[in-house]
Amino acid sequence: MNNDTRARIRDGDPPAFAELFDTHARSVYNHAFRLTGDWSVAEDVMAATFLEAWRLRNKVDPDGGSLRPWLLGVATNVARNHCRGNRRYRAAAAAYATAVPEPSVPDHASEVAGRVDDRRRIAATLRALGTLRRTEREVLVLCLWEGLAYTEVARALRVPVGTVRSRLSRARAKLRDGAEAELAREGRRCDPPGPGPRKSDPEKREPAARPRQTTGDRVNAVRPAQEGIR
């Protein structure tokens, strides 16, 4: 974005803001979802972000390149007011994990297995993302997903560059360990139960023992025959 467009935005020129929206709306929308874990909330954050950008237009630096880092910083601040807790990430992960899978072709079994594994890892990562502190999640999203430089993230969040580095380091370690723990828990839930007690083969069963006859039983069995001889 050239300096002339920046100047027009600072002056509140509607066509310049329309161009800003068309260029960055999708990026802001995706960023809002990564921060909130909810698509409907992301829509609200995106709309509020551009309203806030209009209100803060006089703070736009007249010199510089893309306004994307500035917009993402505004979106981050707006998302803080919309976020209602990390449970949204759990809900998003559950919805993603239970989504209807794509039709598979038997000849491509390895490819299908790879998609299933990717789906599990994404769901596990979303759940792990929900365990991060808000400040760690913001830095992680801006640095890794949005690809901003440390200095750009520092300006967007109004914190020192050293703080960005330390938060990112903690967030990456927590996300990695958390995702692996989620996958391990899921693996234990999916493991088939162990073999139960083996049933004996009916063909190899020992013949049932005959009931033992008492002396009285033998006498009663013989008596009718003796009576018939008389």
C-alpha atoms as a PDB file:
ATOM      1  CA  MET A   1       0.000   0.000   0.000  1.00  0.00           C
ATOM      2  CA  ASN A   2       1.553   3.289  -1.087  1.00  0.00           C
ATOM      3  CA  ASN A   3       1.846   6.428   0.970  1.00  0.00           C
ATOM      4  CA  ASP A   4      -0.886   8.155  -1.038  1.00  0.00           C
ATOM      5  CA  THR A   5      -3.405   5.488   0.064  1.00  0.00           C
ATOM      6  CA  ARG A   6      -2.219   5.808   3.654  1.00  0.00           C
ATOM      7  CA  ALA A   7      -2.767   9.544   3.488  1.00  0.00           C
ATOM      8  CA  ARG A   8      -6.274   9.011   2.092  1.00  0.00           C
ATOM      9  CA  ILE A   9      -7.081   6.604   4.911  1.00  0.00           C
ATOM     10  CA  ARG A  10      -5.824   9.114   7.473  1.00  0.00           C
ATOM     11  CA  ASP A  11      -8.125  11.690   5.862  1.00  0.00           C
ATOM     12  CA  GLY A  12     -11.118   9.334   6.092  1.00  0.00           C
ATOM     13  CA  ASP A  13     -11.527   8.758   2.363  1.00  0.00           C
ATOM     14  CA  PRO A  14     -14.312   6.114   1.924  1.00  0.00           C
ATOM     15  CA  PRO A  15     -12.919   4.588  -1.318  1.00  0.00           C
ATOM     16  CA  ALA A  16      -9.553   4.154   0.385  1.00  0.00           C
ATOM     17  CA  PHE A  17     -11.208   2.315   3.252  1.00  0.00           C
ATOM     18  CA  ALA A  18     -13.130   0.151   0.811  1.00  0.00           C
ATOM     19  CA  GLU A  19      -9.827  -0.812  -0.775  1.00  0.00           C
ATOM     20  CA  LEU A  20      -8.389  -1.556   2.668  1.00  0.00           C
ATOM     21  CA  PHE A  21     -11.330  -3.830   3.453  1.00  0.00           C
ATOM     22  CA  ASP A  22     -11.198  -5.696   0.140  1.00  0.00           C
ATOM     23  CA  THR A  23      -7.475  -6.301   0.543  1.00  0.00           C
ATOM     24  CA  HIS A  24      -7.347  -7.453   4.162  1.00  0.00           C
ATOM     25  CA  ALA A  25     -10.830  -8.601   5.238  1.00  0.00           C
ATOM     26  CA  ARG A  26     -10.105 -12.283   4.713  1.00  0.00           C
ATOM     27  CA  SER A  27      -6.804 -12.071   6.587  1.00  0.00           C
ATOM     28  CA  VAL A  28      -8.453 -10.294   9.511  1.00  0.00           C
ATOM     29  CA  TYR A  29     -11.283 -12.843   9.541  1.00  0.00           C
ATOM     30  CA  ASN A  30      -8.912 -15.823   9.693  1.00  0.00           C
ATOM     31  CA  HIS A  31      -6.817 -14.113  12.336  1.00  0.00           C
ATOM     32  CA  ALA A  32      -9.921 -13.480  14.447  1.00  0.00           C
ATOM     33  CA  PHE A  33     -10.885 -17.151  14.278  1.00  0.00           C
ATOM     34  CA  ARG A  34      -7.436 -18.264  15.392  1.00  0.00           C
ATOM     35  CA  LEU A  35      -7.725 -15.961  18.384  1.00  0.00           C
ATOM     36  CA  THR A  36     -11.297 -16.828  19.375  1.00  0.00           C
ATOM     37  CA  GLY A  37     -11.875 -20.384  18.107  1.00  0.00           C
ATOM     38  CA  ASP A  38     -15.353 -19.443  16.887  1.00  0.00           C
ATOM     39  CA  TRP A  39     -16.344 -18.551  13.305  1.00  0.00           C
ATOM     40  CA  SER A  40     -19.379 -16.481  14.292  1.00  0.00           C
ATOM     41  CA  VAL A  41     -17.335 -14.494  16.798  1.00  0.00           C
ATOM     42  CA  ALA A  42     -14.663 -14.050  14.133  1.00  0.00           C
ATOM     43  CA  GLU A  43     -17.243 -12.344  11.908  1.00  0.00           C
ATOM     44  CA  ASP A  44     -18.099  -9.916  14.708  1.00  0.00           C
ATOM     45  CA  VAL A  45     -14.416  -9.263  15.379  1.00  0.00           C
ATOM     46  CA  MET A  46     -13.736  -8.593  11.709  1.00  0.00           C
ATOM     47  CA  ALA A  47     -16.577  -6.078  11.459  1.00  0.00           C
ATOM     48  CA  ALA A  48     -15.568  -4.381  14.710  1.00  0.00           C
ATOM     49  CA  THR A  49     -11.938  -4.274  13.584  1.00  0.00           C
ATOM     50  CA  PHE A  50     -12.676  -2.127  10.542  1.00  0.00           C
ATOM     51  CA  LEU A  51     -14.973   0.116  12.571  1.00  0.00           C
ATOM     52  CA  GLU A  52     -12.168   0.564  15.084  1.00  0.00           C
ATOM     53  CA  ALA A  53      -9.690   1.151  12.260  1.00  0.00           C
ATOM     54  CA  TRP A  54     -11.904   3.962  10.994  1.00  0.00           C
ATOM     55  CA  ARG A  55     -11.985   5.480  14.476  1.00  0.00           C
ATOM     56  CA  LEU A  56      -8.193   5.193  14.798  1.00  0.00           C
ATOM     57  CA  ARG A  57      -7.408   6.284  11.237  1.00  0.00           C
ATOM     58  CA  ASN A  58      -5.523   9.389  12.344  1.00  0.00           C
ATOM     59  CA  LYS A  59      -2.971   7.097  14.063  1.00  0.00           C
ATOM     60  CA  VAL A  60      -1.948   5.494  10.780  1.00  0.00           C
ATOM     61  CA  ASP A  61       1.682   6.230  10.036  1.00  0.00           C
ATOM     62  CA  PRO A  62       1.787   8.264   6.783  1.00  0.00           C
ATOM     63  CA  ASP A  63       4.954   6.436   5.745  1.00  0.00           C
ATOM     64  CA  GLY A  64       5.358   2.689   5.498  1.00  0.00           C
ATOM     65  CA  GLY A  65       4.256  -0.385   3.634  1.00  0.00           C
ATOM     66  CA  SER A  66       1.280  -2.669   4.160  1.00  0.00           C
ATOM     67  CA  LEU A  67      -1.277  -1.794   6.805  1.00  0.00           C
ATOM     68  CA  ARG A  68      -1.879  -5.484   7.493  1.00  0.00           C
ATOM     69  CA  PRO A  69       0.238  -5.622  10.695  1.00  0.00           C
ATOM     70  CA  TRP A  70      -1.597  -2.583  12.048  1.00  0.00           C
ATOM     71  CA  LEU A  71      -4.999  -4.108  11.235  1.00  0.00           C
ATOM     72  CA  LEU A  72      -4.057  -7.410  12.870  1.00  0.00           C
ATOM     73  CA  GLY A  73      -3.014  -5.502  15.977  1.00  0.00           C
ATOM     74  CA  VAL A  74      -6.399  -3.767  16.041  1.00  0.00           C
ATOM     75  CA  ALA A  75      -8.137  -7.131  15.538  1.00  0.00           C
ATOM     76  CA  THR A  76      -6.160  -8.622  18.421  1.00  0.00           C
ATOM     77  CA  ASN A  77      -7.349  -5.894  20.770  1.00  0.00           C
ATOM     78  CA  VAL A  78     -10.950  -6.261  19.578  1.00  0.00           C
ATOM     79  CA  ALA A  79     -10.837 -10.047  20.011  1.00  0.00           C
ATOM     80  CA  ARG A  80      -9.865  -9.641  23.661  1.00  0.00           C
ATOM     81  CA  ASN A  81     -13.264  -8.128  24.340  1.00  0.00           C
ATOM     82  CA  HIS A  82     -15.106 -10.907  22.504  1.00  0.00           C
ATOM     83  CA  CYS A  83     -13.261 -13.924  23.858  1.00  0.00           C
ATOM     84  CA  ARG A  84     -15.214 -15.736  26.559  1.00  0.00           C
ATOM     85  CA  GLY A  85     -12.665 -18.362  27.512  1.00  0.00           C
ATOM     86  CA  ASN A  86     -10.675 -21.212  26.019  1.00  0.00           C
ATOM     87  CA  ARG A  87     -13.656 -23.562  25.868  1.00  0.00           C
ATOM     88  CA  ARG A  88     -14.280 -22.301  22.324  1.00  0.00           C
ATOM     89  CA  TYR A  89     -11.130 -24.114  21.194  1.00  0.00           C
ATOM     90  CA  ARG A  90     -12.398 -27.359  22.681  1.00  0.00           C
ATOM     91  CA  ALA A  91     -15.708 -26.921  20.855  1.00  0.00           C
ATOM     92  CA  ALA A  92     -13.940 -26.077  17.587  1.00  0.00           C
ATOM     93  CA  ALA A  93     -11.682 -29.105  17.965  1.00  0.00           C
ATOM     94  CA  ALA A  94     -14.627 -31.408  18.631  1.00  0.00           C
ATOM     95  CA  ALA A  95     -16.521 -30.054  15.638  1.00  0.00           C
ATOM     96  CA  TYR A  96     -13.499 -30.471  13.392  1.00  0.00           C
ATOM     97  CA  ALA A  97     -12.733 -33.983  14.628  1.00  0.00           C
ATOM     98  CA  THR A  98     -16.304 -35.192  14.084  1.00  0.00           C
ATOM     99  CA  ALA A  99     -16.777 -33.551  10.682  1.00  0.00           C
ATOM    100  CA  VAL A 100     -17.972 -35.790   7.866  1.00  0.00           C
ATOM    101  CA  PRO A 101     -14.857 -37.234   6.198  1.00  0.00           C
ATOM    102  CA  GLU A 102     -14.280 -36.894   2.506  1.00  0.00           C
ATOM    103  CA  PRO A 103     -15.216 -39.861   0.302  1.00  0.00           C
ATOM    104  CA  SER A 104     -12.313 -42.260   0.124  1.00  0.00           C
ATOM    105  CA  VAL A 105     -11.123 -44.484  -2.687  1.00  0.00           C
ATOM    106  CA  PRO A 106     -10.031 -47.999  -1.638  1.00  0.00           C
ATOM    107  CA  ASP A 107      -6.939 -47.855  -3.853  1.00  0.00           C
ATOM    108  CA  HIS A 108      -5.747 -44.757  -1.982  1.00  0.00           C
ATOM    109  CA  ALA A 109      -5.821 -46.183   1.527  1.00  0.00           C
ATOM    110  CA  SER A 110      -2.532 -44.573   2.540  1.00  0.00           C
ATOM    111  CA  GLU A 111      -3.740 -41.157   1.395  1.00  0.00           C
ATOM    112  CA  VAL A 112      -6.981 -41.540   3.349  1.00  0.00           C
ATOM    113  CA  ALA A 113      -5.054 -42.628   6.438  1.00  0.00           C
ATOM    114  CA  GLY A 114      -2.869 -39.549   6.070  1.00  0.00           C
ATOM    115  CA  ARG A 115      -5.926 -37.253   5.962  1.00  0.00           C
ATOM    116  CA  VAL A 116      -7.353 -38.897   9.070  1.00  0.00           C
ATOM    117  CA  ASP A 117      -4.045 -38.464  10.883  1.00  0.00           C
ATOM    118  CA  ASP A 118      -3.862 -34.796   9.801  1.00  0.00           C
ATOM    119  CA  ARG A 119      -7.413 -34.245  11.070  1.00  0.00           C
ATOM    120  CA  ARG A 120      -6.492 -35.748  14.442  1.00  0.00           C
ATOM    121  CA  ARG A 121      -3.395 -33.578  14.714  1.00  0.00           C
ATOM    122  CA  ILE A 122      -5.265 -30.386  13.832  1.00  0.00           C
ATOM    123  CA  ALA A 123      -7.969 -31.170  16.389  1.00  0.00           C
ATOM    124  CA  ALA A 124      -5.314 -31.922  19.017  1.00  0.00           C
ATOM    125  CA  THR A 125      -3.525 -28.656  18.198  1.00  0.00           C
ATOM    126  CA  LEU A 126      -6.750 -26.680  18.574  1.00  0.00           C
ATOM    127  CA  ARG A 127      -7.373 -28.248  21.967  1.00  0.00           C
ATOM    128  CA  ALA A 128      -3.795 -27.502  23.009  1.00  0.00           C
ATOM    129  CA  LEU A 129      -4.130 -23.936  21.733  1.00  0.00           C
ATOM    130  CA  GLY A 130      -7.002 -23.497  24.155  1.00  0.00           C
ATOM    131  CA  THR A 131      -4.684 -24.214  27.088  1.00  0.00           C
ATOM    132  CA  LEU A 132      -2.355 -21.299  26.306  1.00  0.00           C
ATOM    133  CA  ARG A 133      -2.566 -17.985  28.054  1.00  0.00           C
ATOM    134  CA  ARG A 134      -4.133 -15.219  25.981  1.00  0.00           C
ATOM    135  CA  THR A 135      -0.878 -13.297  25.652  1.00  0.00           C
ATOM    136  CA  GLU A 136       0.971 -16.420  24.496  1.00  0.00           C
ATOM    137  CA  ARG A 137      -1.732 -17.286  21.979  1.00  0.00           C
ATOM    138  CA  GLU A 138      -1.696 -13.785  20.491  1.00  0.00           C
ATOM    139  CA  VAL A 139       2.065 -13.838  19.904  1.00  0.00           C
ATOM    140  CA  LEU A 140       1.936 -17.377  18.518  1.00  0.00           C
ATOM    141  CA  VAL A 141      -0.824 -16.538  16.050  1.00  0.00           C
ATOM    142  CA  LEU A 142       0.789 -13.309  14.871  1.00  0.00           C
ATOM    143  CA  CYS A 143       4.282 -14.767  14.486  1.00  0.00           C
ATOM    144  CA  LEU A 144       3.604 -18.259  13.165  1.00  0.00           C
ATOM    145  CA  TRP A 145       0.255 -18.103  11.391  1.00  0.00           C
ATOM    146  CA  GLU A 146       0.303 -14.508  10.206  1.00  0.00           C
ATOM    147  CA  GLY A 147       4.037 -14.501   9.521  1.00  0.00           C
ATOM    148  CA  LEU A 148       4.743 -11.100  11.047  1.00  0.00           C
ATOM    149  CA  ALA A 149       8.237 -10.142  12.103  1.00  0.00           C
ATOM    150  CA  TYR A 150       9.046  -9.746  15.794  1.00  0.00           C
ATOM    151  CA  THR A 151       9.221  -5.972  15.396  1.00  0.00           C
ATOM    152  CA  GLU A 152       5.805  -5.880  13.693  1.00  0.00           C
ATOM    153  CA  VAL A 153       4.253  -8.011  16.435  1.00  0.00           C
ATOM    154  CA  ALA A 154       5.848  -5.809  19.073  1.00  0.00           C
ATOM    155  CA  ARG A 155       4.289  -2.711  17.475  1.00  0.00           C
ATOM    156  CA  ALA A 156       0.912  -4.424  17.058  1.00  0.00           C
ATOM    157  CA  LEU A 157       0.780  -5.549  20.696  1.00  0.00           C
ATOM    158  CA  ARG A 158       2.664  -2.514  22.083  1.00  0.00           C
ATOM    159  CA  VAL A 159       5.213  -4.641  23.930  1.00  0.00           C
ATOM    160  CA  PRO A 160       9.028  -4.868  23.698  1.00  0.00           C
ATOM    161  CA  VAL A 161      10.570  -7.199  21.124  1.00  0.00           C
ATOM    162  CA  GLY A 162      12.159  -9.210  23.936  1.00  0.00           C
ATOM    163  CA  THR A 163       8.704  -9.877  25.372  1.00  0.00           C
ATOM    164  CA  VAL A 164       7.530 -11.147  21.988  1.00  0.00           C
ATOM    165  CA  ARG A 165      10.467 -13.556  21.799  1.00  0.00           C
ATOM    166  CA  SER A 166      10.000 -14.936  25.310  1.00  0.00           C
ATOM    167  CA  ARG A 167       6.226 -15.354  24.908  1.00  0.00           C
ATOM    168  CA  LEU A 168       6.669 -17.074  21.571  1.00  0.00           C
ATOM    169  CA  SER A 169       9.258 -19.481  22.987  1.00  0.00           C
ATOM    170  CA  ARG A 170       6.947 -20.478  25.857  1.00  0.00           C
ATOM    171  CA  ALA A 171       3.928 -20.726  23.583  1.00  0.00           C
ATOM    172  CA  ARG A 172       5.674 -22.997  21.061  1.00  0.00           C
ATOM    173  CA  ALA A 173       6.887 -25.351  23.784  1.00  0.00           C
ATOM    174  CA  LYS A 174       3.460 -25.505  25.440  1.00  0.00           C
ATOM    175  CA  LEU A 175       1.681 -26.021  22.124  1.00  0.00           C
ATOM    176  CA  ARG A 176       4.034 -28.830  21.085  1.00  0.00           C
ATOM    177  CA  ASP A 177       3.805 -30.638  24.417  1.00  0.00           C
ATOM    178  CA  GLY A 178       0.070 -30.055  24.694  1.00  0.00           C
ATOM    179  CA  ALA A 179      -0.669 -31.395  21.216  1.00  0.00           C
ATOM    180  CA  GLU A 180       1.408 -34.526  21.858  1.00  0.00           C
ATOM    181  CA  ALA A 181      -0.392 -35.076  25.166  1.00  0.00           C
ATOM    182  CA  GLU A 182      -3.780 -34.686  23.461  1.00  0.00           C
ATOM    183  CA  LEU A 183      -2.807 -37.214  20.786  1.00  0.00           C
ATOM    184  CA  ALA A 184      -1.596 -39.647  23.441  1.00  0.00           C
ATOM    185  CA  ARG A 185      -4.872 -39.350  25.364  1.00  0.00           C
ATOM    186  CA  GLU A 186      -6.849 -39.851  22.167  1.00  0.00           C
ATOM    187  CA  GLY A 187      -4.736 -42.882  21.309  1.00  0.00           C
ATOM    188  CA  ARG A 188      -5.471 -44.469  24.678  1.00  0.00           C
ATOM    189  CA  ARG A 189      -9.195 -43.903  24.176  1.00  0.00           C
ATOM    190  CA  CYS A 190      -9.064 -45.512  20.725  1.00  0.00           C
ATOM    191  CA  ASP A 191      -6.977 -48.552  21.713  1.00  0.00           C
ATOM    192  CA  PRO A 192      -8.981 -51.801  21.376  1.00  0.00           C
ATOM    193  CA  PRO A 193      -9.610 -53.633  24.647  1.00  0.00           C
ATOM    194  CA  GLY A 194      -7.243 -56.438  25.571  1.00  0.00           C
ATOM    195  CA  PRO A 195      -8.132 -60.067  24.885  1.00  0.00           C
ATOM    196  CA  GLY A 196     -10.612 -61.501  27.366  1.00  0.00           C
ATOM    197  CA  PRO A 197     -10.548 -64.981  28.823  1.00  0.00           C
ATOM    198  CA  ARG A 198     -10.354 -67.650  26.149  1.00  0.00           C
ATOM    199  CA  LYS A 199     -13.363 -69.828  25.712  1.00  0.00           C
ATOM    200  CA  SER A 200     -12.717 -73.501  25.498  1.00  0.00           C
ATOM    201  CA  ASP A 201     -13.392 -75.240  22.230  1.00  0.00           C
ATOM    202  CA  PRO A 202     -16.717 -77.084  22.524  1.00  0.00           C
ATOM    203  CA  GLU A 203     -15.299 -79.933  20.421  1.00  0.00           C
ATOM    204  CA  LYS A 204     -12.423 -80.391  22.846  1.00  0.00           C
ATOM    205  CA  ARG A 205     -14.416 -80.229  26.041  1.00  0.00           C
ATOM    206  CA  GLU A 206     -14.086 -83.102  28.473  1.00  0.00           C
ATOM    207  CA  PRO A 207     -17.180 -85.313  28.588  1.00  0.00           C
ATOM    208  CA  ALA A 208     -19.430 -84.474  31.462  1.00  0.00           C
ATOM    209  CA  ALA A 209     -19.022 -86.831  34.403  1.00  0.00           C
ATOM    210  CA  ARG A 210     -21.946 -89.169  34.987  1.00  0.00           C
ATOM    211  CA  PRO A 211     -23.772 -88.615  38.237  1.00  0.00           C
ATOM    212  CA  ARG A 212     -22.615 -91.056  40.844  1.00  0.00           C
ATOM    213  CA  GLN A 213     -25.287 -93.571  41.780  1.00  0.00           C
ATOM    214  CA  THR A 214     -25.951 -94.398  45.386  1.00  0.00           C
ATOM    215  CA  THR A 215     -26.706 -97.864  46.663  1.00  0.00           C
ATOM    216  CA  GLY A 216     -30.386 -97.032  46.893  1.00  0.00           C
ATOM    217  CA  ASP A 217     -30.466 -95.971  43.258  1.00  0.00           C
ATOM    218  CA  ARG A 218     -28.980 -99.274  42.120  1.00  0.00           C
ATOM    219  CA  VAL A 219     -31.515-101.239  44.187  1.00  0.00           C
ATOM    220  CA  ASN A 220     -34.442 -99.331  42.726  1.00  0.00           C
ATOM    221  CA  ALA A 221     -33.127 -99.846  39.176  1.00  0.00           C
ATOM    222  CA  VAL A 222     -32.823-103.635  39.631  1.00  0.00           C
ATOM    223  CA  ARG A 223     -36.055-104.241  41.500  1.00  0.00           C
ATOM    224  CA  PRO A 224     -38.494-103.858  38.503  1.00  0.00           C
ATOM    225  CA  ALA A 225     -36.575-106.501  36.596  1.00  0.00           C
ATOM    226  CA  GLN A 226     -36.685-108.931  39.506  1.00  0.00           C
ATOM    227  CA  GLU A 227     -40.404-108.356  39.913  1.00  0.00           C
ATOM    228  CA  GLY A 228     -40.918-109.203  36.267  1.00  0.00           C
ATOM    229  CA  ILE A 229     -39.234-112.578  36.673  1.00  0.00           C
ATOM    230  CA  ARG A 230     -41.577-113.718  39.444  1.00  0.00           C
END
